């Protein structure tokens, strides 16, 4: 990747994070995101990690949107990103929240190799890569489950909600119709909070829990 593209991404990331009303990233965090972005662009032609690679769109849709979720992590210290793909939201979350342990779960071997290289290149000690399908992985010990894009999401997450303990939460970056279907079809005791993702007309943050008090919907 050219220096010009890298600088364009860094500038776009700073501007988009500000437009999301999020805390400004440190210089190190910006460099780590830029390193991940450059690695993604190098791998993408042969692994097909994402169709969004233009600096501004990547900064907004992949990075700022992932970072937006960090503010909803409460007392949780273990996070599982289901179907992490290119590392969203796992890698941006691990970058901005070094106090938590993030596991990127990815069944695809090539994408998993990409994630391992990204972990090493970015020196993310709080990131773990797990190569497995969700149904073959023990996720019961994770306090927060999250995902941004997953095939057969409705079926997968309906099953997750049915098996979630009262000590776990599920945070989905998704379309409103998926959240509505999961709320309708999920367990009766399941509660949902929704938050509009800035600069998006079709995506929300939906947080599912089994708490006794109803969360505030925004």
N, C-alpha and C. Protein backbone atom coordinates (compact mmCIF):
# COMPACT_ATOMS: atom_id res chain seq x y z
N UNK A 1 0.84 -1.20 0.00
CA UNK A 1 0.00 0.00 0.00
C UNK A 1 0.87 1.25 0.00
N UNK A 2 0.47 2.26 -0.73
CA UNK A 2 1.25 3.49 -0.82
C UNK A 2 1.13 4.29 0.47
N UNK A 3 2.14 5.13 0.70
CA UNK A 3 2.14 6.01 1.86
C UNK A 3 0.95 6.97 1.79
N UNK A 4 0.59 7.37 0.58
CA UNK A 4 -0.54 8.27 0.39
C UNK A 4 -1.85 7.63 0.86
N UNK A 5 -2.05 6.35 0.52
CA UNK A 5 -3.27 5.65 0.95
C UNK A 5 -3.30 5.47 2.46
N UNK A 6 -2.14 5.16 3.04
CA UNK A 6 -2.07 5.00 4.49
C UNK A 6 -2.40 6.30 5.20
N UNK A 7 -1.83 7.39 4.72
CA UNK A 7 -2.10 8.69 5.33
C UNK A 7 -3.57 9.08 5.15
N UNK A 8 -4.15 8.76 4.00
CA UNK A 8 -5.56 9.05 3.76
C UNK A 8 -6.44 8.28 4.74
N UNK A 9 -6.06 7.03 5.00
CA UNK A 9 -6.82 6.22 5.96
C UNK A 9 -6.71 6.81 7.37
N UNK A 10 -5.52 7.17 7.78
CA UNK A 10 -5.32 7.73 9.12
C UNK A 10 -6.15 8.99 9.31
N UNK A 11 -6.11 9.87 8.33
CA UNK A 11 -6.88 11.11 8.41
C UNK A 11 -8.37 10.82 8.46
N UNK A 12 -8.81 9.90 7.60
CA UNK A 12 -10.23 9.54 7.58
C UNK A 12 -10.66 8.94 8.91
N UNK A 13 -9.82 8.09 9.48
CA UNK A 13 -10.16 7.45 10.75
C UNK A 13 -10.33 8.49 11.86
N UNK A 14 -9.41 9.43 11.95
CA UNK A 14 -9.52 10.47 12.96
C UNK A 14 -10.81 11.28 12.79
N UNK A 15 -11.12 11.62 11.55
CA UNK A 15 -12.31 12.43 11.27
C UNK A 15 -13.60 11.66 11.57
N UNK A 16 -13.63 10.39 11.19
CA UNK A 16 -14.85 9.60 11.39
C UNK A 16 -15.07 9.32 12.87
N UNK A 17 -14.00 9.00 13.59
CA UNK A 17 -14.13 8.77 15.03
C UNK A 17 -14.69 10.01 15.71
N UNK A 18 -14.22 11.17 15.30
CA UNK A 18 -14.73 12.42 15.85
C UNK A 18 -16.20 12.62 15.50
N UNK A 19 -16.58 12.29 14.26
CA UNK A 19 -17.96 12.47 13.82
C UNK A 19 -18.91 11.50 14.54
N UNK A 20 -18.37 10.39 15.05
CA UNK A 20 -19.15 9.43 15.83
C UNK A 20 -19.28 9.88 17.28
N UNK A 21 -18.63 11.00 17.63
CA UNK A 21 -18.61 11.52 19.01
C UNK A 21 -17.93 10.54 19.96
N UNK A 22 -16.89 9.88 19.47
CA UNK A 22 -16.11 8.95 20.28
C UNK A 22 -14.84 9.63 20.77
N UNK A 23 -14.24 9.09 21.82
CA UNK A 23 -12.98 9.63 22.31
C UNK A 23 -11.92 9.52 21.21
N UNK A 24 -11.08 10.54 21.11
CA UNK A 24 -10.02 10.53 20.11
C UNK A 24 -9.07 9.37 20.35
N UNK A 25 -8.59 8.76 19.28
CA UNK A 25 -7.64 7.67 19.40
C UNK A 25 -6.25 8.22 19.68
N UNK A 26 -5.45 7.43 20.38
CA UNK A 26 -4.06 7.82 20.59
C UNK A 26 -3.28 7.58 19.30
N UNK A 27 -2.09 8.14 19.23
CA UNK A 27 -1.25 7.95 18.04
C UNK A 27 -0.96 6.47 17.82
N UNK A 28 -0.70 5.75 18.90
CA UNK A 28 -0.42 4.31 18.78
C UNK A 28 -1.64 3.56 18.26
N UNK A 29 -2.82 3.90 18.75
CA UNK A 29 -4.04 3.23 18.29
C UNK A 29 -4.29 3.49 16.80
N UNK A 30 -4.05 4.71 16.36
CA UNK A 30 -4.21 5.04 14.94
C UNK A 30 -3.22 4.23 14.10
N UNK A 31 -1.97 4.12 14.58
CA UNK A 31 -0.95 3.36 13.86
C UNK A 31 -1.33 1.87 13.79
N UNK A 32 -1.87 1.34 14.88
CA UNK A 32 -2.27 -0.07 14.89
C UNK A 32 -3.42 -0.31 13.91
N UNK A 33 -4.40 0.57 13.90
CA UNK A 33 -5.51 0.43 12.95
C UNK A 33 -5.00 0.54 11.51
N UNK A 34 -4.08 1.47 11.28
CA UNK A 34 -3.53 1.65 9.93
C UNK A 34 -2.72 0.42 9.50
N UNK A 35 -2.00 -0.19 10.43
CA UNK A 35 -1.23 -1.40 10.12
C UNK A 35 -2.17 -2.54 9.75
N UNK A 36 -3.27 -2.66 10.49
CA UNK A 36 -4.26 -3.69 10.19
C UNK A 36 -4.90 -3.44 8.82
N UNK A 37 -5.22 -2.18 8.55
CA UNK A 37 -5.82 -1.82 7.27
C UNK A 37 -4.88 -2.13 6.11
N UNK A 38 -3.60 -1.82 6.26
CA UNK A 38 -2.61 -2.09 5.20
C UNK A 38 -2.48 -3.60 4.98
N UNK A 39 -2.47 -4.36 6.06
CA UNK A 39 -2.38 -5.81 5.95
C UNK A 39 -3.62 -6.38 5.27
N UNK A 40 -4.78 -5.85 5.63
CA UNK A 40 -6.04 -6.28 5.01
C UNK A 40 -6.00 -6.04 3.50
N UNK A 41 -5.52 -4.88 3.09
CA UNK A 41 -5.47 -4.56 1.66
C UNK A 41 -4.49 -5.47 0.92
N UNK A 42 -3.41 -5.89 1.57
CA UNK A 42 -2.45 -6.79 0.93
C UNK A 42 -3.02 -8.20 0.78
N UNK A 43 -3.76 -8.66 1.76
CA UNK A 43 -4.31 -10.01 1.75
C UNK A 43 -5.60 -10.12 0.93
N UNK A 44 -6.33 -9.03 0.81
CA UNK A 44 -7.68 -9.09 0.26
C UNK A 44 -7.78 -9.69 -1.15
N UNK A 45 -6.85 -9.41 -2.06
CA UNK A 45 -6.98 -9.97 -3.41
C UNK A 45 -6.97 -11.50 -3.44
N UNK A 46 -6.32 -12.14 -2.46
CA UNK A 46 -6.24 -13.60 -2.50
C UNK A 46 -7.12 -14.30 -1.48
N UNK A 47 -7.62 -13.57 -0.49
CA UNK A 47 -8.46 -14.20 0.54
C UNK A 47 -9.88 -13.66 0.52
N UNK A 48 -10.11 -12.52 -0.12
CA UNK A 48 -11.43 -11.91 -0.19
C UNK A 48 -12.00 -11.65 1.20
N UNK A 49 -11.32 -10.79 1.93
CA UNK A 49 -11.72 -10.47 3.30
C UNK A 49 -12.88 -9.48 3.35
N UNK A 50 -12.91 -8.54 2.41
CA UNK A 50 -13.95 -7.51 2.42
C UNK A 50 -14.07 -6.87 1.04
N UNK A 51 -15.26 -6.35 0.74
CA UNK A 51 -15.43 -5.60 -0.50
C UNK A 51 -15.18 -4.11 -0.26
N UNK A 52 -15.03 -3.70 1.00
CA UNK A 52 -14.84 -2.28 1.33
C UNK A 52 -13.37 -2.04 1.68
N UNK A 53 -12.66 -1.39 0.78
CA UNK A 53 -11.24 -1.11 1.01
C UNK A 53 -10.87 0.36 0.83
N UNK A 54 -11.78 1.15 0.26
CA UNK A 54 -11.51 2.58 0.08
C UNK A 54 -11.30 3.21 1.46
N UNK A 55 -10.26 4.05 1.64
CA UNK A 55 -9.88 4.52 2.97
C UNK A 55 -11.02 5.10 3.82
N UNK A 56 -11.80 6.02 3.27
CA UNK A 56 -12.87 6.63 4.05
C UNK A 56 -13.95 5.64 4.44
N UNK A 57 -14.39 4.82 3.48
CA UNK A 57 -15.44 3.85 3.76
C UNK A 57 -14.96 2.78 4.73
N UNK A 58 -13.71 2.35 4.58
CA UNK A 58 -13.16 1.36 5.51
C UNK A 58 -13.06 1.94 6.91
N UNK A 59 -12.60 3.18 7.00
CA UNK A 59 -12.47 3.83 8.31
C UNK A 59 -13.83 3.94 9.00
N UNK A 60 -14.85 4.27 8.22
CA UNK A 60 -16.19 4.44 8.81
C UNK A 60 -16.86 3.12 9.12
N UNK A 61 -16.98 2.27 8.09
CA UNK A 61 -17.78 1.06 8.22
C UNK A 61 -17.10 -0.02 9.06
N UNK A 62 -15.80 -0.19 8.88
CA UNK A 62 -15.11 -1.25 9.60
C UNK A 62 -14.58 -0.80 10.96
N UNK A 63 -13.83 0.28 10.98
CA UNK A 63 -13.10 0.64 12.19
C UNK A 63 -13.91 1.46 13.17
N UNK A 64 -14.47 2.60 12.73
CA UNK A 64 -15.23 3.44 13.67
C UNK A 64 -16.47 2.70 14.19
N UNK A 65 -17.12 1.94 13.30
CA UNK A 65 -18.29 1.19 13.73
C UNK A 65 -17.91 0.14 14.78
N UNK A 66 -16.80 -0.53 14.56
CA UNK A 66 -16.33 -1.52 15.55
C UNK A 66 -16.02 -0.84 16.88
N UNK A 67 -15.30 0.29 16.81
CA UNK A 67 -14.91 1.02 18.01
C UNK A 67 -16.13 1.56 18.75
N UNK A 68 -17.18 1.90 18.01
CA UNK A 68 -18.43 2.39 18.61
C UNK A 68 -18.94 1.41 19.66
N UNK A 69 -18.74 0.12 19.44
CA UNK A 69 -19.23 -0.88 20.38
C UNK A 69 -18.49 -0.91 21.70
N UNK A 70 -17.28 -0.34 21.75
CA UNK A 70 -16.48 -0.41 22.97
C UNK A 70 -17.17 0.26 24.15
N UNK A 71 -17.94 1.29 23.89
CA UNK A 71 -18.59 2.01 24.99
C UNK A 71 -19.68 1.20 25.67
N UNK A 72 -20.13 0.13 25.03
CA UNK A 72 -21.19 -0.69 25.61
C UNK A 72 -20.64 -1.90 26.37
N UNK A 73 -19.33 -2.02 26.41
CA UNK A 73 -18.71 -3.06 27.23
C UNK A 73 -18.69 -2.55 28.66
N UNK A 74 -19.37 -3.25 29.54
CA UNK A 74 -19.51 -2.78 30.91
C UNK A 74 -18.47 -3.43 31.81
N UNK A 75 -18.87 -4.34 32.66
CA UNK A 75 -17.91 -4.99 33.56
C UNK A 75 -17.25 -6.20 32.92
N UNK A 76 -17.67 -6.52 31.70
CA UNK A 76 -17.12 -7.70 31.03
C UNK A 76 -15.62 -7.55 30.77
N UNK A 77 -14.91 -8.64 30.94
CA UNK A 77 -13.47 -8.64 30.66
C UNK A 77 -13.08 -9.70 29.64
N UNK A 78 -14.04 -10.53 29.23
CA UNK A 78 -13.77 -11.52 28.18
C UNK A 78 -14.81 -11.37 27.08
N UNK A 79 -14.34 -11.20 25.86
CA UNK A 79 -15.21 -10.93 24.71
C UNK A 79 -14.91 -11.95 23.61
N UNK A 80 -15.97 -12.52 23.04
CA UNK A 80 -15.83 -13.44 21.91
C UNK A 80 -16.47 -12.84 20.68
N UNK A 81 -15.67 -12.66 19.62
CA UNK A 81 -16.17 -12.16 18.34
C UNK A 81 -16.48 -13.37 17.46
N UNK A 82 -17.76 -13.60 17.20
CA UNK A 82 -18.20 -14.79 16.47
C UNK A 82 -18.16 -14.53 14.96
N UNK A 83 -17.40 -15.34 14.24
CA UNK A 83 -17.25 -15.14 12.80
C UNK A 83 -16.49 -13.87 12.51
N UNK A 84 -15.29 -13.75 13.06
CA UNK A 84 -14.54 -12.49 13.03
C UNK A 84 -14.12 -12.06 11.64
N UNK A 85 -13.90 -13.00 10.72
CA UNK A 85 -13.54 -12.63 9.35
C UNK A 85 -12.22 -11.88 9.27
N UNK A 86 -12.27 -10.62 8.87
CA UNK A 86 -11.06 -9.79 8.77
C UNK A 86 -10.66 -9.18 10.10
N UNK A 87 -11.44 -9.49 11.15
CA UNK A 87 -11.08 -8.98 12.48
C UNK A 87 -11.97 -7.88 13.01
N UNK A 88 -13.20 -7.82 12.51
CA UNK A 88 -14.13 -6.77 12.96
C UNK A 88 -15.32 -7.41 13.69
N UNK A 89 -15.60 -7.00 14.91
CA UNK A 89 -14.99 -5.88 15.64
C UNK A 89 -13.79 -6.24 16.51
N UNK A 90 -13.33 -7.50 16.49
CA UNK A 90 -12.34 -7.97 17.45
C UNK A 90 -11.09 -7.10 17.53
N UNK A 91 -10.48 -6.83 16.37
CA UNK A 91 -9.19 -6.12 16.40
C UNK A 91 -9.34 -4.66 16.85
N UNK A 92 -10.27 -3.87 16.30
CA UNK A 92 -10.43 -2.51 16.83
C UNK A 92 -10.80 -2.50 18.32
N UNK A 93 -11.62 -3.44 18.77
CA UNK A 93 -11.96 -3.50 20.19
C UNK A 93 -10.73 -3.80 21.03
N UNK A 94 -9.90 -4.73 20.58
CA UNK A 94 -8.68 -5.06 21.31
C UNK A 94 -7.71 -3.88 21.34
N UNK A 95 -7.71 -3.10 20.26
CA UNK A 95 -6.83 -1.92 20.20
C UNK A 95 -7.25 -0.85 21.20
N UNK A 96 -8.54 -0.54 21.23
CA UNK A 96 -9.00 0.58 22.08
C UNK A 96 -9.32 0.15 23.51
N UNK A 97 -9.43 -1.16 23.75
CA UNK A 97 -9.71 -1.64 25.10
C UNK A 97 -8.67 -2.68 25.52
N UNK A 98 -7.46 -2.23 25.82
CA UNK A 98 -6.40 -3.18 26.23
C UNK A 98 -6.69 -3.85 27.57
N UNK A 99 -7.71 -3.37 28.28
CA UNK A 99 -8.07 -3.94 29.58
C UNK A 99 -8.92 -5.20 29.46
N UNK A 100 -9.36 -5.55 28.24
CA UNK A 100 -10.19 -6.73 28.06
C UNK A 100 -9.47 -7.78 27.23
N UNK A 101 -9.90 -9.04 27.37
CA UNK A 101 -9.36 -10.13 26.58
C UNK A 101 -10.35 -10.43 25.45
N UNK A 102 -9.89 -10.33 24.22
CA UNK A 102 -10.75 -10.52 23.05
C UNK A 102 -10.33 -11.80 22.31
N UNK A 103 -11.31 -12.64 22.00
CA UNK A 103 -11.05 -13.83 21.18
C UNK A 103 -11.77 -13.67 19.86
N UNK A 104 -11.02 -13.80 18.76
CA UNK A 104 -11.60 -13.77 17.42
C UNK A 104 -11.83 -15.20 16.97
N UNK A 105 -13.10 -15.59 16.85
CA UNK A 105 -13.46 -16.94 16.44
C UNK A 105 -13.74 -16.95 14.94
N UNK A 106 -12.96 -17.72 14.20
CA UNK A 106 -13.10 -17.77 12.75
C UNK A 106 -12.84 -19.19 12.25
N UNK A 107 -13.83 -19.76 11.56
CA UNK A 107 -13.72 -21.14 11.09
C UNK A 107 -12.88 -21.27 9.82
N UNK A 108 -12.87 -20.23 8.99
CA UNK A 108 -12.13 -20.28 7.72
C UNK A 108 -10.63 -20.25 7.98
N UNK A 109 -9.92 -21.26 7.48
CA UNK A 109 -8.50 -21.39 7.77
C UNK A 109 -7.68 -20.20 7.25
N UNK A 110 -7.95 -19.74 6.02
CA UNK A 110 -7.18 -18.63 5.46
C UNK A 110 -7.43 -17.33 6.22
N UNK A 111 -8.69 -17.09 6.58
CA UNK A 111 -8.99 -15.88 7.35
C UNK A 111 -8.37 -15.96 8.74
N UNK A 112 -8.35 -17.15 9.31
CA UNK A 112 -7.73 -17.34 10.61
C UNK A 112 -6.23 -17.06 10.55
N UNK A 113 -5.58 -17.48 9.47
CA UNK A 113 -4.16 -17.18 9.29
C UNK A 113 -3.92 -15.68 9.19
N UNK A 114 -4.82 -14.99 8.48
CA UNK A 114 -4.72 -13.54 8.39
C UNK A 114 -4.82 -12.92 9.79
N UNK A 115 -5.76 -13.38 10.58
CA UNK A 115 -5.95 -12.83 11.93
C UNK A 115 -4.71 -13.07 12.80
N UNK A 116 -4.10 -14.23 12.66
CA UNK A 116 -2.90 -14.52 13.44
C UNK A 116 -1.75 -13.61 13.04
N UNK A 117 -1.62 -13.35 11.73
CA UNK A 117 -0.57 -12.44 11.28
C UNK A 117 -0.85 -11.02 11.78
N UNK A 118 -2.12 -10.62 11.76
CA UNK A 118 -2.48 -9.29 12.26
C UNK A 118 -2.17 -9.15 13.74
N UNK A 119 -2.49 -10.18 14.51
CA UNK A 119 -2.20 -10.17 15.96
C UNK A 119 -0.71 -9.96 16.20
N UNK A 120 0.12 -10.70 15.45
CA UNK A 120 1.57 -10.59 15.63
C UNK A 120 2.09 -9.22 15.17
N UNK A 121 1.61 -8.76 14.03
CA UNK A 121 2.11 -7.49 13.48
C UNK A 121 1.71 -6.30 14.35
N UNK A 122 0.52 -6.38 14.96
CA UNK A 122 0.04 -5.27 15.78
C UNK A 122 0.44 -5.41 17.25
N UNK A 123 1.07 -6.54 17.61
CA UNK A 123 1.51 -6.79 18.98
C UNK A 123 0.35 -6.67 19.98
N UNK A 124 -0.74 -7.37 19.65
CA UNK A 124 -1.92 -7.32 20.51
C UNK A 124 -1.90 -8.49 21.49
N UNK A 125 -1.37 -8.24 22.68
CA UNK A 125 -1.26 -9.29 23.69
C UNK A 125 -2.62 -9.73 24.22
N UNK A 126 -3.63 -8.87 24.07
CA UNK A 126 -4.97 -9.18 24.60
C UNK A 126 -5.89 -9.79 23.55
N UNK A 127 -5.33 -10.21 22.43
CA UNK A 127 -6.13 -10.82 21.36
C UNK A 127 -5.74 -12.29 21.20
N UNK A 128 -6.75 -13.15 21.12
CA UNK A 128 -6.53 -14.58 20.88
C UNK A 128 -7.29 -14.95 19.62
N UNK A 129 -6.72 -15.85 18.82
CA UNK A 129 -7.37 -16.33 17.60
C UNK A 129 -7.78 -17.78 17.81
N UNK A 130 -9.04 -18.10 17.56
CA UNK A 130 -9.54 -19.47 17.67
C UNK A 130 -10.09 -19.89 16.31
N UNK A 131 -9.57 -20.99 15.79
CA UNK A 131 -10.02 -21.49 14.48
C UNK A 131 -11.01 -22.63 14.70
N UNK A 132 -12.29 -22.31 14.65
CA UNK A 132 -13.32 -23.33 14.90
C UNK A 132 -14.68 -22.78 14.52
N UNK A 133 -15.62 -23.69 14.30
CA UNK A 133 -17.01 -23.31 14.10
C UNK A 133 -17.64 -23.08 15.47
N UNK A 134 -18.62 -22.22 15.53
CA UNK A 134 -19.24 -21.88 16.81
C UNK A 134 -19.79 -23.12 17.51
N UNK A 135 -20.43 -24.02 16.74
CA UNK A 135 -21.04 -25.19 17.36
C UNK A 135 -20.01 -26.17 17.91
N UNK A 136 -18.74 -26.00 17.53
CA UNK A 136 -17.68 -26.86 18.02
C UNK A 136 -16.82 -26.17 19.09
N UNK A 137 -17.21 -24.96 19.47
CA UNK A 137 -16.41 -24.14 20.36
C UNK A 137 -17.14 -23.90 21.68
N UNK A 138 -16.43 -24.00 22.78
CA UNK A 138 -17.05 -23.76 24.09
C UNK A 138 -17.02 -22.26 24.40
N UNK A 139 -18.16 -21.62 24.22
CA UNK A 139 -18.23 -20.17 24.45
C UNK A 139 -18.91 -19.82 25.79
N UNK A 140 -19.15 -20.82 26.60
CA UNK A 140 -19.90 -20.59 27.85
C UNK A 140 -19.16 -19.71 28.85
N UNK A 141 -17.83 -19.66 28.75
CA UNK A 141 -17.08 -18.87 29.72
C UNK A 141 -16.88 -17.41 29.36
N UNK A 142 -17.37 -17.00 28.19
CA UNK A 142 -17.20 -15.60 27.76
C UNK A 142 -18.34 -14.74 28.29
N UNK A 143 -17.98 -13.57 28.79
CA UNK A 143 -18.98 -12.67 29.38
C UNK A 143 -19.77 -11.90 28.33
N UNK A 144 -19.11 -11.54 27.24
CA UNK A 144 -19.77 -10.79 26.17
C UNK A 144 -19.51 -11.48 24.84
N UNK A 145 -20.59 -11.74 24.11
CA UNK A 145 -20.50 -12.30 22.76
C UNK A 145 -20.84 -11.18 21.78
N UNK A 146 -20.15 -11.14 20.65
CA UNK A 146 -20.42 -10.08 19.68
C UNK A 146 -20.22 -10.59 18.27
N UNK A 147 -20.78 -9.86 17.30
CA UNK A 147 -20.61 -10.23 15.89
C UNK A 147 -21.08 -9.08 15.02
N UNK A 148 -20.45 -8.94 13.85
CA UNK A 148 -20.86 -7.91 12.88
C UNK A 148 -21.45 -8.50 11.61
N UNK A 149 -20.98 -9.65 11.21
CA UNK A 149 -21.46 -10.25 9.96
C UNK A 149 -21.31 -11.75 10.05
N UNK A 150 -22.39 -12.45 9.81
CA UNK A 150 -22.34 -13.90 9.91
C UNK A 150 -23.41 -14.51 9.02
N UNK A 151 -23.05 -15.56 8.29
CA UNK A 151 -24.04 -16.26 7.48
C UNK A 151 -25.05 -16.97 8.39
N UNK A 152 -26.29 -17.03 7.92
CA UNK A 152 -27.36 -17.67 8.68
C UNK A 152 -27.46 -17.10 10.09
N UNK A 153 -27.31 -15.77 10.19
CA UNK A 153 -27.26 -15.11 11.49
C UNK A 153 -28.51 -15.35 12.33
N UNK A 154 -29.68 -15.32 11.70
CA UNK A 154 -30.92 -15.49 12.46
C UNK A 154 -30.96 -16.83 13.17
N UNK A 155 -30.60 -17.90 12.46
CA UNK A 155 -30.61 -19.24 13.05
C UNK A 155 -29.53 -19.38 14.12
N UNK A 156 -28.33 -18.89 13.80
CA UNK A 156 -27.20 -19.02 14.73
C UNK A 156 -27.47 -18.29 16.04
N UNK A 157 -27.91 -17.04 15.94
CA UNK A 157 -28.05 -16.25 17.16
C UNK A 157 -29.32 -16.58 17.94
N UNK A 158 -30.32 -17.13 17.29
CA UNK A 158 -31.46 -17.62 18.03
C UNK A 158 -31.02 -18.77 18.95
N UNK A 159 -30.16 -19.63 18.43
CA UNK A 159 -29.61 -20.73 19.23
C UNK A 159 -28.73 -20.20 20.35
N UNK A 160 -27.94 -19.17 20.06
CA UNK A 160 -27.08 -18.57 21.09
C UNK A 160 -27.92 -18.00 22.22
N UNK A 161 -28.97 -17.27 21.87
CA UNK A 161 -29.83 -16.67 22.89
C UNK A 161 -30.48 -17.72 23.78
N UNK A 162 -30.84 -18.84 23.18
CA UNK A 162 -31.47 -19.91 23.94
C UNK A 162 -30.50 -20.56 24.93
N UNK A 163 -29.20 -20.50 24.63
CA UNK A 163 -28.20 -21.15 25.46
C UNK A 163 -27.44 -20.18 26.37
N UNK A 164 -27.62 -18.90 26.16
CA UNK A 164 -26.91 -17.90 26.96
C UNK A 164 -27.30 -17.98 28.43
N UNK A 165 -26.32 -17.79 29.30
CA UNK A 165 -26.61 -17.75 30.73
C UNK A 165 -27.01 -16.33 31.12
N UNK A 166 -27.52 -16.17 32.32
CA UNK A 166 -27.94 -14.85 32.80
C UNK A 166 -26.74 -13.92 33.02
N UNK A 167 -25.54 -14.47 33.01
CA UNK A 167 -24.32 -13.68 33.22
C UNK A 167 -23.69 -13.23 31.91
N UNK A 168 -24.31 -13.59 30.79
CA UNK A 168 -23.75 -13.24 29.49
C UNK A 168 -24.62 -12.23 28.75
N UNK A 169 -23.98 -11.49 27.83
CA UNK A 169 -24.72 -10.59 26.94
C UNK A 169 -24.27 -10.83 25.51
N UNK A 170 -25.16 -10.51 24.58
CA UNK A 170 -24.87 -10.63 23.15
C UNK A 170 -25.00 -9.25 22.53
N UNK A 171 -23.93 -8.76 21.88
CA UNK A 171 -23.91 -7.44 21.26
C UNK A 171 -23.74 -7.61 19.75
N UNK A 172 -24.81 -7.30 19.02
CA UNK A 172 -24.79 -7.48 17.57
C UNK A 172 -24.79 -6.14 16.84
N UNK A 173 -23.93 -6.02 15.84
CA UNK A 173 -23.95 -4.92 14.89
C UNK A 173 -24.80 -5.45 13.74
N UNK A 174 -26.01 -4.95 13.57
CA UNK A 174 -26.90 -5.62 12.62
C UNK A 174 -27.97 -4.67 12.08
N UNK A 175 -28.80 -5.21 11.21
CA UNK A 175 -29.94 -4.47 10.69
C UNK A 175 -31.10 -4.58 11.68
N UNK A 176 -32.00 -3.58 11.70
CA UNK A 176 -33.12 -3.62 12.64
C UNK A 176 -34.02 -4.84 12.48
N UNK A 177 -34.18 -5.34 11.25
CA UNK A 177 -35.07 -6.47 11.07
C UNK A 177 -34.53 -7.74 11.72
N UNK A 178 -33.21 -7.93 11.71
CA UNK A 178 -32.63 -9.09 12.39
C UNK A 178 -32.84 -8.99 13.90
N UNK A 179 -32.63 -7.81 14.45
CA UNK A 179 -32.84 -7.62 15.89
C UNK A 179 -34.28 -7.88 16.26
N UNK A 180 -35.21 -7.41 15.42
CA UNK A 180 -36.63 -7.61 15.71
C UNK A 180 -37.01 -9.09 15.66
N UNK A 181 -36.47 -9.82 14.69
CA UNK A 181 -36.76 -11.25 14.58
C UNK A 181 -36.21 -12.01 15.78
N UNK A 182 -35.00 -11.67 16.18
CA UNK A 182 -34.40 -12.35 17.32
C UNK A 182 -35.15 -12.04 18.61
N UNK A 183 -35.60 -10.80 18.74
CA UNK A 183 -36.38 -10.43 19.93
C UNK A 183 -37.70 -11.19 19.97
N UNK A 184 -38.33 -11.33 18.81
CA UNK A 184 -39.62 -12.01 18.72
C UNK A 184 -39.49 -13.51 18.95
N UNK A 185 -38.44 -14.10 18.41
CA UNK A 185 -38.29 -15.55 18.45
C UNK A 185 -37.45 -16.05 19.63
N UNK A 186 -36.75 -15.13 20.30
CA UNK A 186 -35.87 -15.52 21.39
C UNK A 186 -36.62 -15.88 22.65
N UNK A 187 -35.90 -16.29 23.69
CA UNK A 187 -36.52 -16.64 24.97
C UNK A 187 -37.32 -15.49 25.56
N UNK A 188 -38.37 -15.80 26.27
CA UNK A 188 -39.25 -14.77 26.84
C UNK A 188 -38.51 -13.84 27.79
N UNK A 189 -37.51 -14.36 28.49
CA UNK A 189 -36.80 -13.55 29.49
C UNK A 189 -35.70 -12.69 28.86
N UNK A 190 -35.55 -12.78 27.56
CA UNK A 190 -34.49 -12.04 26.86
C UNK A 190 -34.90 -10.57 26.70
N UNK A 191 -34.03 -9.68 27.09
CA UNK A 191 -34.26 -8.24 26.97
C UNK A 191 -33.33 -7.66 25.92
N UNK A 192 -33.76 -6.62 25.25
CA UNK A 192 -32.96 -6.02 24.18
C UNK A 192 -32.88 -4.51 24.33
N UNK A 193 -31.69 -3.99 24.11
CA UNK A 193 -31.45 -2.55 24.03
C UNK A 193 -30.91 -2.26 22.64
N UNK A 194 -31.41 -1.23 21.99
CA UNK A 194 -30.89 -0.89 20.67
C UNK A 194 -30.31 0.51 20.65
N UNK A 195 -29.28 0.70 19.86
CA UNK A 195 -28.61 1.99 19.72
C UNK A 195 -28.33 2.23 18.24
N UNK A 196 -28.61 3.40 17.77
CA UNK A 196 -28.34 3.74 16.38
C UNK A 196 -26.85 3.91 16.16
N UNK A 197 -26.32 3.27 15.14
CA UNK A 197 -24.91 3.44 14.79
C UNK A 197 -24.78 4.75 14.00
N UNK A 198 -23.92 5.67 14.43
CA UNK A 198 -23.79 6.95 13.74
C UNK A 198 -23.45 6.78 12.26
N UNK A 199 -23.94 7.70 11.47
CA UNK A 199 -23.65 7.75 10.03
C UNK A 199 -24.18 6.54 9.27
N UNK A 200 -25.12 5.83 9.87
CA UNK A 200 -25.68 4.66 9.20
C UNK A 200 -27.20 4.78 9.15
N UNK A 201 -27.76 4.44 8.00
CA UNK A 201 -29.22 4.48 7.84
C UNK A 201 -29.86 3.11 8.01
N UNK A 202 -29.04 2.08 8.08
CA UNK A 202 -29.62 0.74 8.08
C UNK A 202 -29.01 -0.22 9.10
N UNK A 203 -28.17 0.29 10.01
CA UNK A 203 -27.53 -0.60 10.97
C UNK A 203 -27.67 -0.06 12.38
N UNK A 204 -27.84 -0.98 13.32
CA UNK A 204 -27.97 -0.62 14.73
C UNK A 204 -27.07 -1.51 15.57
N UNK A 205 -26.94 -1.13 16.83
CA UNK A 205 -26.31 -1.99 17.82
C UNK A 205 -27.44 -2.57 18.66
N UNK A 206 -27.55 -3.88 18.67
CA UNK A 206 -28.59 -4.55 19.46
C UNK A 206 -27.91 -5.37 20.55
N UNK A 207 -28.26 -5.10 21.79
CA UNK A 207 -27.63 -5.78 22.92
C UNK A 207 -28.69 -6.60 23.65
N UNK A 208 -28.47 -7.90 23.70
CA UNK A 208 -29.41 -8.83 24.32
C UNK A 208 -28.86 -9.28 25.67
N UNK A 209 -29.74 -9.32 26.66
CA UNK A 209 -29.33 -9.76 27.99
C UNK A 209 -30.51 -10.42 28.69
N UNK A 210 -30.26 -10.93 29.88
CA UNK A 210 -31.31 -11.55 30.68
C UNK A 210 -31.43 -10.84 32.02
N UNK A 211 -31.20 -9.55 31.98
CA UNK A 211 -31.22 -8.79 33.23
C UNK A 211 -32.65 -8.59 33.73
N UNK A 212 -32.77 -8.40 35.03
CA UNK A 212 -34.09 -8.26 35.63
C UNK A 212 -34.70 -6.91 35.35
N UNK A 213 -33.87 -5.89 35.22
CA UNK A 213 -34.38 -4.55 34.94
C UNK A 213 -34.29 -4.26 33.46
N UNK A 214 -35.32 -3.68 32.87
CA UNK A 214 -35.35 -3.40 31.45
C UNK A 214 -34.36 -2.29 31.10
N UNK A 215 -33.52 -2.49 30.08
CA UNK A 215 -32.61 -1.43 29.65
C UNK A 215 -33.38 -0.33 28.93
N UNK A 216 -32.75 0.80 28.83
CA UNK A 216 -33.36 1.94 28.12
C UNK A 216 -33.08 1.81 26.65
N UNK A 217 -34.11 1.92 25.83
CA UNK A 217 -33.94 1.83 24.38
C UNK A 217 -33.72 3.21 23.80
N UNK A 218 -32.76 3.34 22.90
CA UNK A 218 -32.46 4.63 22.30
C UNK A 218 -32.41 4.52 20.80
